[in-house]
């Protein structure tokens, strides 16, 4: 679970690396968090 956008701001690289390496099977986020992780303002595009 991504928990909060401020966490993502500090560790976005780590989280994307975990995803890219297939280390995560289920990811939980809210709207703000998924947009922050993707660095995309549009919700559907971030998803």
ModelCIF file with pLDDT and N, C-alpha, C, O atoms, coordinates in Angstrom:
data_MODEL
#
_entry.id   MODEL 
#
_entity.id                         1 
_entity.type                       polymer 
_entity.pdbx_number_of_molecules   1 
#
_entity_poly.entity_id                      1 
_entity_poly.type                           'polypeptide(L)' 
_entity_poly.nstd_linkage                   no 
_entity_poly.nstd_monomer                   no 
_entity_poly.pdbx_seq_one_letter_code       
;(UNK)(UNK)(UNK)(UNK)(UNK)(UNK)(UNK)(UNK)(UNK)(UNK)(UNK)(UNK)(UNK)(UNK)(UNK)(UNK)
(UNK)(UNK)(UNK)(UNK)(UNK)(UNK)(UNK)(UNK)(UNK)(UNK)(UNK)(UNK)(UNK)(UNK)(UNK)(UNK)
(UNK)(UNK)(UNK)(UNK)(UNK)(UNK)(UNK)(UNK)(UNK)(UNK)(UNK)(UNK)(UNK)(UNK)(UNK)
;
_entity_poly.pdbx_seq_one_letter_code_can   XXXXXXXXXXXXXXXXXXXXXXXXXXXXXXXXXXXXXXXXXXXXXXX 
_entity_poly.pdbx_strand_id                 A 
#
loop_
_entity_poly_seq.entity_id 
_entity_poly_seq.num 
_entity_poly_seq.mon_id 
_entity_poly_seq.hetero 
1 1  UNK n 
1 2  UNK n 
1 3  UNK n 
1 4  UNK n 
1 5  UNK n 
1 6  UNK n 
1 7  UNK n 
1 8  UNK n 
1 9  UNK n 
1 10 UNK n 
1 11 UNK n 
1 12 UNK n 
1 13 UNK n 
1 14 UNK n 
1 15 UNK n 
1 16 UNK n 
1 17 UNK n 
1 18 UNK n 
1 19 UNK n 
1 20 UNK n 
1 21 UNK n 
1 22 UNK n 
1 23 UNK n 
1 24 UNK n 
1 25 UNK n 
1 26 UNK n 
1 27 UNK n 
1 28 UNK n 
1 29 UNK n 
1 30 UNK n 
1 31 UNK n 
1 32 UNK n 
1 33 UNK n 
1 34 UNK n 
1 35 UNK n 
1 36 UNK n 
1 37 UNK n 
1 38 UNK n 
1 39 UNK n 
1 40 UNK n 
1 41 UNK n 
1 42 UNK n 
1 43 UNK n 
1 44 UNK n 
1 45 UNK n 
1 46 UNK n 
1 47 UNK n 
#
_struct_asym.id          A 
_struct_asym.entity_id   1 
#
loop_
_ma_qa_metric.id 
_ma_qa_metric.mode 
_ma_qa_metric.name 
_ma_qa_metric.software_group_id 
_ma_qa_metric.type 
1 global pLDDT . pLDDT 
2 local  pLDDT . pLDDT 
#
_ma_qa_metric_global.metric_id      1 
_ma_qa_metric_global.metric_value   96.17 
_ma_qa_metric_global.model_id       1 
_ma_qa_metric_global.ordinal_id     1 
#
loop_
_ma_qa_metric_local.label_asym_id 
_ma_qa_metric_local.label_comp_id 
_ma_qa_metric_local.label_seq_id 
_ma_qa_metric_local.metric_id 
_ma_qa_metric_local.metric_value 
_ma_qa_metric_local.model_id 
_ma_qa_metric_local.ordinal_id 
A UNK 1  2 98.00 1 1  
A UNK 2  2 96.00 1 2  
A UNK 3  2 89.00 1 3  
A UNK 4  2 88.00 1 4  
A UNK 5  2 88.00 1 5  
A UNK 6  2 87.00 1 6  
A UNK 7  2 92.00 1 7  
A UNK 8  2 96.00 1 8  
A UNK 9  2 94.00 1 9  
A UNK 10 2 94.00 1 10 
A UNK 11 2 96.00 1 11 
A UNK 12 2 97.00 1 12 
A UNK 13 2 97.00 1 13 
A UNK 14 2 97.00 1 14 
A UNK 15 2 98.00 1 15 
A UNK 16 2 98.00 1 16 
A UNK 17 2 97.00 1 17 
A UNK 18 2 98.00 1 18 
A UNK 19 2 98.00 1 19 
A UNK 20 2 97.00 1 20 
A UNK 21 2 97.00 1 21 
A UNK 22 2 97.00 1 22 
A UNK 23 2 97.00 1 23 
A UNK 24 2 98.00 1 24 
A UNK 25 2 98.00 1 25 
A UNK 26 2 98.00 1 26 
A UNK 27 2 98.00 1 27 
A UNK 28 2 98.00 1 28 
A UNK 29 2 97.00 1 29 
A UNK 30 2 96.00 1 30 
A UNK 31 2 96.00 1 31 
A UNK 32 2 95.00 1 32 
A UNK 33 2 97.00 1 33 
A UNK 34 2 98.00 1 34 
A UNK 35 2 97.00 1 35 
A UNK 36 2 97.00 1 36 
A UNK 37 2 98.00 1 37 
A UNK 38 2 98.00 1 38 
A UNK 39 2 97.00 1 39 
A UNK 40 2 97.00 1 40 
A UNK 41 2 96.00 1 41 
A UNK 42 2 97.00 1 42 
A UNK 43 2 97.00 1 43 
A UNK 44 2 97.00 1 44 
A UNK 45 2 98.00 1 45 
A UNK 46 2 98.00 1 46 
A UNK 47 2 98.00 1 47 
#
loop_
_atom_site.group_PDB 
_atom_site.id 
_atom_site.type_symbol 
_atom_site.label_atom_id 
_atom_site.label_alt_id 
_atom_site.label_comp_id 
_atom_site.label_asym_id 
_atom_site.label_entity_id 
_atom_site.label_seq_id 
_atom_site.pdbx_PDB_ins_code 
_atom_site.Cartn_x 
_atom_site.Cartn_y 
_atom_site.Cartn_z 
_atom_site.occupancy 
_atom_site.B_iso_or_equiv 
_atom_site.pdbx_formal_charge 
_atom_site.auth_seq_id 
_atom_site.auth_comp_id 
_atom_site.auth_asym_id 
_atom_site.auth_atom_id 
_atom_site.pdbx_PDB_model_num 
ATOM 1   N N  . UNK A 1 1  ? 0.847  -1.190 0.000   1.00 98.00 ? 1  UNK A N  1 
ATOM 2   C CA . UNK A 1 1  ? 0.000  0.000  0.000   1.00 98.00 ? 1  UNK A CA 1 
ATOM 3   C C  . UNK A 1 1  ? 0.882  1.239  0.000   1.00 98.00 ? 1  UNK A C  1 
ATOM 4   O O  . UNK A 1 1  ? 1.803  1.351  0.810   1.00 98.00 ? 1  UNK A O  1 
ATOM 5   N N  . UNK A 1 2  ? 0.602  2.171  -0.909  1.00 96.00 ? 2  UNK A N  1 
ATOM 6   C CA . UNK A 1 2  ? 1.457  3.336  -1.078  1.00 96.00 ? 2  UNK A CA 1 
ATOM 7   C C  . UNK A 1 2  ? 1.372  4.324  0.086   1.00 96.00 ? 2  UNK A C  1 
ATOM 8   O O  . UNK A 1 2  ? 2.304  5.096  0.312   1.00 96.00 ? 2  UNK A O  1 
ATOM 9   N N  . UNK A 1 3  ? 0.287  4.305  0.808   1.00 89.00 ? 3  UNK A N  1 
ATOM 10  C CA . UNK A 1 3  ? 0.114  5.046  2.069   1.00 89.00 ? 3  UNK A CA 1 
ATOM 11  C C  . UNK A 1 3  ? -0.107 6.543  1.933   1.00 89.00 ? 3  UNK A C  1 
ATOM 12  O O  . UNK A 1 3  ? -1.085 7.055  2.476   1.00 89.00 ? 3  UNK A O  1 
ATOM 13  N N  . UNK A 1 4  ? 0.767  7.274  1.226   1.00 88.00 ? 4  UNK A N  1 
ATOM 14  C CA . UNK A 1 4  ? 0.635  8.733  1.196   1.00 88.00 ? 4  UNK A CA 1 
ATOM 15  C C  . UNK A 1 4  ? 1.525  9.295  0.099   1.00 88.00 ? 4  UNK A C  1 
ATOM 16  O O  . UNK A 1 4  ? 2.589  8.750  -0.194  1.00 88.00 ? 4  UNK A O  1 
ATOM 17  N N  . UNK A 1 5  ? 1.079  10.389 -0.503  1.00 88.00 ? 5  UNK A N  1 
ATOM 18  C CA . UNK A 1 5  ? 1.841  10.999 -1.593  1.00 88.00 ? 5  UNK A CA 1 
ATOM 19  C C  . UNK A 1 5  ? 3.223  11.463 -1.141  1.00 88.00 ? 5  UNK A C  1 
ATOM 20  O O  . UNK A 1 5  ? 4.173  11.448 -1.924  1.00 88.00 ? 5  UNK A O  1 
ATOM 21  N N  . UNK A 1 6  ? 3.337  11.884 0.144   1.00 87.00 ? 6  UNK A N  1 
ATOM 22  C CA . UNK A 1 6  ? 4.645  12.363 0.610   1.00 87.00 ? 6  UNK A CA 1 
ATOM 23  C C  . UNK A 1 6  ? 5.656  11.216 0.639   1.00 87.00 ? 6  UNK A C  1 
ATOM 24  O O  . UNK A 1 6  ? 6.847  11.440 0.421   1.00 87.00 ? 6  UNK A O  1 
ATOM 25  N N  . UNK A 1 7  ? 5.201  10.003 0.902   1.00 92.00 ? 7  UNK A N  1 
ATOM 26  C CA . UNK A 1 7  ? 6.088  8.835  0.876   1.00 92.00 ? 7  UNK A CA 1 
ATOM 27  C C  . UNK A 1 7  ? 6.546  8.584  -0.560  1.00 92.00 ? 7  UNK A C  1 
ATOM 28  O O  . UNK A 1 7  ? 7.715  8.292  -0.811  1.00 92.00 ? 7  UNK A O  1 
ATOM 29  N N  . UNK A 1 8  ? 5.613  8.702  -1.486  1.00 96.00 ? 8  UNK A N  1 
ATOM 30  C CA . UNK A 1 8  ? 5.944  8.475  -2.893  1.00 96.00 ? 8  UNK A CA 1 
ATOM 31  C C  . UNK A 1 8  ? 6.965  9.493  -3.381  1.00 96.00 ? 8  UNK A C  1 
ATOM 32  O O  . UNK A 1 8  ? 7.889  9.152  -4.119  1.00 96.00 ? 8  UNK A O  1 
ATOM 33  N N  . UNK A 1 9  ? 6.794  10.747 -2.966  1.00 94.00 ? 9  UNK A N  1 
ATOM 34  C CA . UNK A 1 9  ? 7.732  11.793 -3.396  1.00 94.00 ? 9  UNK A CA 1 
ATOM 35  C C  . UNK A 1 9  ? 9.172  11.434 -3.029  1.00 94.00 ? 9  UNK A C  1 
ATOM 36  O O  . UNK A 1 9  ? 10.107 11.735 -3.771  1.00 94.00 ? 9  UNK A O  1 
ATOM 37  N N  . UNK A 1 10 ? 9.337  10.786 -1.873  1.00 94.00 ? 10 UNK A N  1 
ATOM 38  C CA . UNK A 1 10 ? 10.692 10.457 -1.417  1.00 94.00 ? 10 UNK A CA 1 
ATOM 39  C C  . UNK A 1 10 ? 11.202 9.133  -1.974  1.00 94.00 ? 10 UNK A C  1 
ATOM 40  O O  . UNK A 1 10 ? 12.410 8.923  -2.080  1.00 94.00 ? 10 UNK A O  1 
ATOM 41  N N  . UNK A 1 11 ? 10.282 8.244  -2.328  1.00 96.00 ? 11 UNK A N  1 
ATOM 42  C CA . UNK A 1 11 ? 10.720 6.886  -2.677  1.00 96.00 ? 11 UNK A CA 1 
ATOM 43  C C  . UNK A 1 11 ? 10.130 6.385  -3.995  1.00 96.00 ? 11 UNK A C  1 
ATOM 44  O O  . UNK A 1 11 ? 10.045 5.178  -4.220  1.00 96.00 ? 11 UNK A O  1 
ATOM 45  N N  . UNK A 1 12 ? 9.728  7.305  -4.860  1.00 97.00 ? 12 UNK A N  1 
ATOM 46  C CA . UNK A 1 12 ? 9.112  6.908  -6.131  1.00 97.00 ? 12 UNK A CA 1 
ATOM 47  C C  . UNK A 1 12 ? 10.008 5.939  -6.910  1.00 97.00 ? 12 UNK A C  1 
ATOM 48  O O  . UNK A 1 12 ? 9.529  4.949  -7.464  1.00 97.00 ? 12 UNK A O  1 
ATOM 49  N N  . UNK A 1 13 ? 11.296 6.231  -6.947  1.00 97.00 ? 13 UNK A N  1 
ATOM 50  C CA . UNK A 1 13 ? 12.225 5.371  -7.681  1.00 97.00 ? 13 UNK A CA 1 
ATOM 51  C C  . UNK A 1 13 ? 12.233 3.949  -7.151  1.00 97.00 ? 13 UNK A C  1 
ATOM 52  O O  . UNK A 1 13 ? 12.228 2.992  -7.925  1.00 97.00 ? 13 UNK A O  1 
ATOM 53  N N  . UNK A 1 14 ? 12.244 3.808  -5.830  1.00 97.00 ? 14 UNK A N  1 
ATOM 54  C CA . UNK A 1 14 ? 12.212 2.478  -5.214  1.00 97.00 ? 14 UNK A CA 1 
ATOM 55  C C  . UNK A 1 14 ? 10.936 1.733  -5.591  1.00 97.00 ? 14 UNK A C  1 
ATOM 56  O O  . UNK A 1 14 ? 10.980 0.565  -5.978  1.00 97.00 ? 14 UNK A O  1 
ATOM 57  N N  . UNK A 1 15 ? 9.794  2.423  -5.474  1.00 98.00 ? 15 UNK A N  1 
ATOM 58  C CA . UNK A 1 15 ? 8.511  1.764  -5.720  1.00 98.00 ? 15 UNK A CA 1 
ATOM 59  C C  . UNK A 1 15 ? 8.379  1.336  -7.182  1.00 98.00 ? 15 UNK A C  1 
ATOM 60  O O  . UNK A 1 15 ? 7.912  0.235  -7.471  1.00 98.00 ? 15 UNK A O  1 
ATOM 61  N N  . UNK A 1 16 ? 8.789  2.203  -8.092  1.00 98.00 ? 16 UNK A N  1 
ATOM 62  C CA . UNK A 1 16 ? 8.729  1.836  -9.510  1.00 98.00 ? 16 UNK A CA 1 
ATOM 63  C C  . UNK A 1 16 ? 9.685  0.689  -9.817  1.00 98.00 ? 16 UNK A C  1 
ATOM 64  O O  . UNK A 1 16 ? 9.395  -0.162 -10.659 1.00 98.00 ? 16 UNK A O  1 
ATOM 65  N N  . UNK A 1 17 ? 10.816 0.669  -9.136  1.00 97.00 ? 17 UNK A N  1 
ATOM 66  C CA . UNK A 1 17 ? 11.775 -0.424 -9.325  1.00 97.00 ? 17 UNK A CA 1 
ATOM 67  C C  . UNK A 1 17 ? 11.188 -1.758 -8.856  1.00 97.00 ? 17 UNK A C  1 
ATOM 68  O O  . UNK A 1 17 ? 11.353 -2.783 -9.517  1.00 97.00 ? 17 UNK A O  1 
ATOM 69  N N  . UNK A 1 18 ? 10.503 -1.732 -7.712  1.00 98.00 ? 18 UNK A N  1 
ATOM 70  C CA . UNK A 1 18 ? 9.847  -2.954 -7.230  1.00 98.00 ? 18 UNK A CA 1 
ATOM 71  C C  . UNK A 1 18 ? 8.833  -3.459 -8.249  1.00 98.00 ? 18 UNK A C  1 
ATOM 72  O O  . UNK A 1 18 ? 8.753  -4.658 -8.515  1.00 98.00 ? 18 UNK A O  1 
ATOM 73  N N  . UNK A 1 19 ? 8.056  -2.533 -8.818  1.00 98.00 ? 19 UNK A N  1 
ATOM 74  C CA . UNK A 1 19 ? 7.063  -2.917 -9.814  1.00 98.00 ? 19 UNK A CA 1 
ATOM 75  C C  . UNK A 1 19 ? 7.729  -3.455 -11.075 1.00 98.00 ? 19 UNK A C  1 
ATOM 76  O O  . UNK A 1 19 ? 7.321  -4.485 -11.613 1.00 98.00 ? 19 UNK A O  1 
ATOM 77  N N  . UNK A 1 20 ? 8.747  -2.755 -11.537 1.00 97.00 ? 20 UNK A N  1 
ATOM 78  C CA . UNK A 1 20 ? 9.416  -3.163 -12.779 1.00 97.00 ? 20 UNK A CA 1 
ATOM 79  C C  . UNK A 1 20 ? 10.097 -4.525 -12.652 1.00 97.00 ? 20 UNK A C  1 
ATOM 80  O O  . UNK A 1 20 ? 10.243 -5.252 -13.634 1.00 97.00 ? 20 UNK A O  1 
ATOM 81  N N  . UNK A 1 21 ? 10.511 -4.860 -11.427 1.00 97.00 ? 21 UNK A N  1 
ATOM 82  C CA . UNK A 1 21 ? 11.174 -6.149 -11.202 1.00 97.00 ? 21 UNK A CA 1 
ATOM 83  C C  . UNK A 1 21 ? 10.198 -7.266 -10.842 1.00 97.00 ? 21 UNK A C  1 
ATOM 84  O O  . UNK A 1 21 ? 10.610 -8.381 -10.525 1.00 97.00 ? 21 UNK A O  1 
ATOM 85  N N  . UNK A 1 22 ? 8.888  -6.955 -10.894 1.00 97.00 ? 22 UNK A N  1 
ATOM 86  C CA . UNK A 1 22 ? 7.884  -7.975 -10.619 1.00 97.00 ? 22 UNK A CA 1 
ATOM 87  C C  . UNK A 1 22 ? 7.809  -8.413 -9.173  1.00 97.00 ? 22 UNK A C  1 
ATOM 88  O O  . UNK A 1 22 ? 7.432  -9.549 -8.883  1.00 97.00 ? 22 UNK A O  1 
ATOM 89  N N  . UNK A 1 23 ? 8.174  -7.504 -8.246  1.00 97.00 ? 23 UNK A N  1 
ATOM 90  C CA . UNK A 1 23 ? 8.179  -7.845 -6.829  1.00 97.00 ? 23 UNK A CA 1 
ATOM 91  C C  . UNK A 1 23 ? 6.826  -7.654 -6.144  1.00 97.00 ? 23 UNK A C  1 
ATOM 92  O O  . UNK A 1 23 ? 6.622  -8.141 -5.032  1.00 97.00 ? 23 UNK A O  1 
ATOM 93  N N  . UNK A 1 24 ? 5.901  -6.949 -6.801  1.00 98.00 ? 24 UNK A N  1 
ATOM 94  C CA . UNK A 1 24 ? 4.600  -6.638 -6.202  1.00 98.00 ? 24 UNK A CA 1 
ATOM 95  C C  . UNK A 1 24 ? 3.488  -7.275 -7.034  1.00 98.00 ? 24 UNK A C  1 
ATOM 96  O O  . UNK A 1 24 ? 3.452  -7.130 -8.256  1.00 98.00 ? 24 UNK A O  1 
ATOM 97  N N  . UNK A 1 25 ? 2.588  -7.977 -6.359  1.00 98.00 ? 25 UNK A N  1 
ATOM 98  C CA . UNK A 1 25 ? 1.450  -8.605 -7.032  1.00 98.00 ? 25 UNK A CA 1 
ATOM 99  C C  . UNK A 1 25 ? 0.182  -7.757 -6.942  1.00 98.00 ? 25 UNK A C  1 
ATOM 100 O O  . UNK A 1 25 ? -0.613 -7.716 -7.881  1.00 98.00 ? 25 UNK A O  1 
ATOM 101 N N  . UNK A 1 26 ? 0.001  -7.084 -5.811  1.00 98.00 ? 26 UNK A N  1 
ATOM 102 C CA . UNK A 1 26 ? -1.191 -6.254 -5.595  1.00 98.00 ? 26 UNK A CA 1 
ATOM 103 C C  . UNK A 1 26 ? -0.727 -4.908 -5.046  1.00 98.00 ? 26 UNK A C  1 
ATOM 104 O O  . UNK A 1 26 ? -0.023 -4.852 -4.038  1.00 98.00 ? 26 UNK A O  1 
ATOM 105 N N  . UNK A 1 27 ? -1.123 -3.829 -5.710  1.00 98.00 ? 27 UNK A N  1 
ATOM 106 C CA . UNK A 1 27 ? -0.766 -2.483 -5.254  1.00 98.00 ? 27 UNK A CA 1 
ATOM 107 C C  . UNK A 1 27 ? -2.036 -1.729 -4.905  1.00 98.00 ? 27 UNK A C  1 
ATOM 108 O O  . UNK A 1 27 ? -2.974 -1.675 -5.700  1.00 98.00 ? 27 UNK A O  1 
ATOM 109 N N  . UNK A 1 28 ? -2.063 -1.133 -3.689  1.00 98.00 ? 28 UNK A N  1 
ATOM 110 C CA . UNK A 1 28 ? -3.189 -0.323 -3.241  1.00 98.00 ? 28 UNK A CA 1 
ATOM 111 C C  . UNK A 1 28 ? -2.787 1.152  -3.262  1.00 98.00 ? 28 UNK A C  1 
ATOM 112 O O  . UNK A 1 28 ? -1.702 1.518  -2.811  1.00 98.00 ? 28 UNK A O  1 
ATOM 113 N N  . UNK A 1 29 ? -3.683 1.995  -3.796  1.00 97.00 ? 29 UNK A N  1 
ATOM 114 C CA . UNK A 1 29 ? -3.420 3.432  -3.858  1.00 97.00 ? 29 UNK A CA 1 
ATOM 115 C C  . UNK A 1 29 ? -4.746 4.176  -3.846  1.00 97.00 ? 29 UNK A C  1 
ATOM 116 O O  . UNK A 1 29 ? -5.801 3.582  -4.065  1.00 97.00 ? 29 UNK A O  1 
ATOM 117 N N  . UNK A 1 30 ? -4.688 5.499  -3.587  1.00 96.00 ? 30 UNK A N  1 
ATOM 118 C CA . UNK A 1 30 ? -5.843 6.339  -3.856  1.00 96.00 ? 30 UNK A CA 1 
ATOM 119 C C  . UNK A 1 30 ? -5.542 7.181  -5.089  1.00 96.00 ? 30 UNK A C  1 
ATOM 120 O O  . UNK A 1 30 ? -4.480 7.047  -5.696  1.00 96.00 ? 30 UNK A O  1 
ATOM 121 N N  . UNK A 1 31 ? -6.476 8.044  -5.453  1.00 96.00 ? 31 UNK A N  1 
ATOM 122 C CA . UNK A 1 31 ? -6.306 8.823  -6.689  1.00 96.00 ? 31 UNK A CA 1 
ATOM 123 C C  . UNK A 1 31 ? -5.026 9.656  -6.682  1.00 96.00 ? 31 UNK A C  1 
ATOM 124 O O  . UNK A 1 31 ? -4.243 9.624  -7.631  1.00 96.00 ? 31 UNK A O  1 
ATOM 125 N N  . UNK A 1 32 ? -4.829 10.400 -5.596  1.00 95.00 ? 32 UNK A N  1 
ATOM 126 C CA . UNK A 1 32 ? -3.656 11.271 -5.521  1.00 95.00 ? 32 UNK A CA 1 
ATOM 127 C C  . UNK A 1 32 ? -2.368 10.466 -5.581  1.00 95.00 ? 32 UNK A C  1 
ATOM 128 O O  . UNK A 1 32 ? -1.394 10.886 -6.206  1.00 95.00 ? 32 UNK A O  1 
ATOM 129 N N  . UNK A 1 33 ? -2.367 9.302  -4.925  1.00 97.00 ? 33 UNK A N  1 
ATOM 130 C CA . UNK A 1 33 ? -1.146 8.488  -4.871  1.00 97.00 ? 33 UNK A CA 1 
ATOM 131 C C  . UNK A 1 33 ? -0.798 7.883  -6.220  1.00 97.00 ? 33 UNK A C  1 
ATOM 132 O O  . UNK A 1 33 ? 0.371  7.860  -6.604  1.00 97.00 ? 33 UNK A O  1 
ATOM 133 N N  . UNK A 1 34 ? -1.805 7.388  -6.951  1.00 98.00 ? 34 UNK A N  1 
ATOM 134 C CA . UNK A 1 34 ? -1.485 6.758  -8.235  1.00 98.00 ? 34 UNK A CA 1 
ATOM 135 C C  . UNK A 1 34 ? -1.009 7.804  -9.234  1.00 98.00 ? 34 UNK A C  1 
ATOM 136 O O  . UNK A 1 34 ? -0.146 7.522  -10.066 1.00 98.00 ? 34 UNK A O  1 
ATOM 137 N N  . UNK A 1 35 ? -1.568 9.009  -9.157  1.00 97.00 ? 35 UNK A N  1 
ATOM 138 C CA . UNK A 1 35 ? -1.127 10.084 -10.040 1.00 97.00 ? 35 UNK A CA 1 
ATOM 139 C C  . UNK A 1 35 ? 0.278  10.553 -9.664  1.00 97.00 ? 35 UNK A C  1 
ATOM 140 O O  . UNK A 1 35 ? 1.077  10.898 -10.534 1.00 97.00 ? 35 UNK A O  1 
ATOM 141 N N  . UNK A 1 36 ? 0.570  10.562 -8.373  1.00 97.00 ? 36 UNK A N  1 
ATOM 142 C CA . UNK A 1 36 ? 1.908  10.926 -7.923  1.00 97.00 ? 36 UNK A CA 1 
ATOM 143 C C  . UNK A 1 36 ? 2.926  9.876  -8.364  1.00 97.00 ? 36 UNK A C  1 
ATOM 144 O O  . UNK A 1 36 ? 4.009  10.220 -8.837  1.00 97.00 ? 36 UNK A O  1 
ATOM 145 N N  . UNK A 1 37 ? 2.582  8.604  -8.209  1.00 98.00 ? 37 UNK A N  1 
ATOM 146 C CA . UNK A 1 37 ? 3.514  7.536  -8.594  1.00 98.00 ? 37 UNK A CA 1 
ATOM 147 C C  . UNK A 1 37 ? 3.832  7.603  -10.083 1.00 98.00 ? 37 UNK A C  1 
ATOM 148 O O  . UNK A 1 37 ? 4.987  7.482  -10.493 1.00 98.00 ? 37 UNK A O  1 
ATOM 149 N N  . UNK A 1 38 ? 2.779  7.801  -10.891 1.00 98.00 ? 38 UNK A N  1 
ATOM 150 C CA . UNK A 1 38 ? 2.966  7.850  -12.337 1.00 98.00 ? 38 UNK A CA 1 
ATOM 151 C C  . UNK A 1 38 ? 3.485  9.204  -12.815 1.00 98.00 ? 38 UNK A C  1 
ATOM 152 O O  . UNK A 1 38 ? 3.958  9.335  -13.945 1.00 98.00 ? 38 UNK A O  1 
ATOM 153 N N  . UNK A 1 39 ? 3.392  10.213 -11.941 1.00 97.00 ? 39 UNK A N  1 
ATOM 154 C CA . UNK A 1 39 ? 3.717  11.604 -12.297 1.00 97.00 ? 39 UNK A CA 1 
ATOM 155 C C  . UNK A 1 39 ? 2.907  12.064 -13.509 1.00 97.00 ? 39 UNK A C  1 
ATOM 156 O O  . UNK A 1 39 ? 3.412  12.692 -14.439 1.00 97.00 ? 39 UNK A O  1 
ATOM 157 N N  . UNK A 1 40 ? 1.613  11.712 -13.443 1.00 97.00 ? 40 UNK A N  1 
ATOM 158 C CA . UNK A 1 40 ? 0.642  12.074 -14.485 1.00 97.00 ? 40 UNK A CA 1 
ATOM 159 C C  . UNK A 1 40 ? -0.592 12.637 -13.790 1.00 97.00 ? 40 UNK A C  1 
ATOM 160 O O  . UNK A 1 40 ? -1.120 12.009 -12.872 1.00 97.00 ? 40 UNK A O  1 
ATOM 161 N N  . UNK A 1 41 ? -1.059 13.803 -14.209 1.00 96.00 ? 41 UNK A N  1 
ATOM 162 C CA . UNK A 1 41 ? -2.197 14.448 -13.551 1.00 96.00 ? 41 UNK A CA 1 
ATOM 163 C C  . UNK A 1 41 ? -3.540 13.824 -13.903 1.00 96.00 ? 41 UNK A C  1 
ATOM 164 O O  . UNK A 1 41 ? -4.489 13.930 -13.126 1.00 96.00 ? 41 UNK A O  1 
ATOM 165 N N  . UNK A 1 42 ? -3.636 13.183 -15.048 1.00 97.00 ? 42 UNK A N  1 
ATOM 166 C CA . UNK A 1 42 ? -4.890 12.564 -15.472 1.00 97.00 ? 42 UNK A CA 1 
ATOM 167 C C  . UNK A 1 42 ? -5.043 11.188 -14.827 1.00 97.00 ? 42 UNK A C  1 
ATOM 168 O O  . UNK A 1 42 ? -4.150 10.348 -14.936 1.00 97.00 ? 42 UNK A O  1 
ATOM 169 N N  . UNK A 1 43 ? -6.174 10.954 -14.155 1.00 97.00 ? 43 UNK A N  1 
ATOM 170 C CA . UNK A 1 43 ? -6.370 9.712  -13.410 1.00 97.00 ? 43 UNK A CA 1 
ATOM 171 C C  . UNK A 1 43 ? -6.283 8.477  -14.303 1.00 97.00 ? 43 UNK A C  1 
ATOM 172 O O  . UNK A 1 43 ? -5.512 7.558  -14.024 1.00 97.00 ? 43 UNK A O  1 
ATOM 173 N N  . UNK A 1 44 ? -7.072 8.455  -15.373 1.00 97.00 ? 44 UNK A N  1 
ATOM 174 C CA . UNK A 1 44 ? -7.101 7.264  -16.227 1.00 97.00 ? 44 UNK A CA 1 
ATOM 175 C C  . UNK A 1 44 ? -5.743 6.990  -16.863 1.00 97.00 ? 44 UNK A C  1 
ATOM 176 O O  . UNK A 1 44 ? -5.342 5.836  -17.009 1.00 97.00 ? 44 UNK A O  1 
ATOM 177 N N  . UNK A 1 45 ? -5.045 8.046  -17.236 1.00 98.00 ? 45 UNK A N  1 
ATOM 178 C CA . UNK A 1 45 ? -3.718 7.866  -17.832 1.00 98.00 ? 45 UNK A CA 1 
ATOM 179 C C  . UNK A 1 45 ? -2.732 7.324  -16.801 1.00 98.00 ? 45 UNK A C  1 
ATOM 180 O O  . UNK A 1 45 ? -1.879 6.497  -17.123 1.00 98.00 ? 45 UNK A O  1 
ATOM 181 N N  . UNK A 1 46 ? -2.855 7.798  -15.547 1.00 98.00 ? 46 UNK A N  1 
ATOM 182 C CA . UNK A 1 46 ? -1.975 7.308  -14.476 1.00 98.00 ? 46 UNK A CA 1 
ATOM 183 C C  . UNK A 1 46 ? -2.236 5.831  -14.209 1.00 98.00 ? 46 UNK A C  1 
ATOM 184 O O  . UNK A 1 46 ? -1.302 5.044  -14.054 1.00 98.00 ? 46 UNK A O  1 
ATOM 185 N N  . UNK A 1 47 ? -3.505 5.465  -14.159 1.00 98.00 ? 47 UNK A N  1 
ATOM 186 C CA . UNK A 1 47 ? -3.869 4.051  -13.952 1.00 98.00 ? 47 UNK A CA 1 
ATOM 187 C C  . UNK A 1 47 ? -3.311 3.189  -15.075 1.00 98.00 ? 47 UNK A C  1 
ATOM 188 O O  . UNK A 1 47 ? -3.511 1.975  -15.079 1.00 98.00 ? 47 UNK A O  1 
#
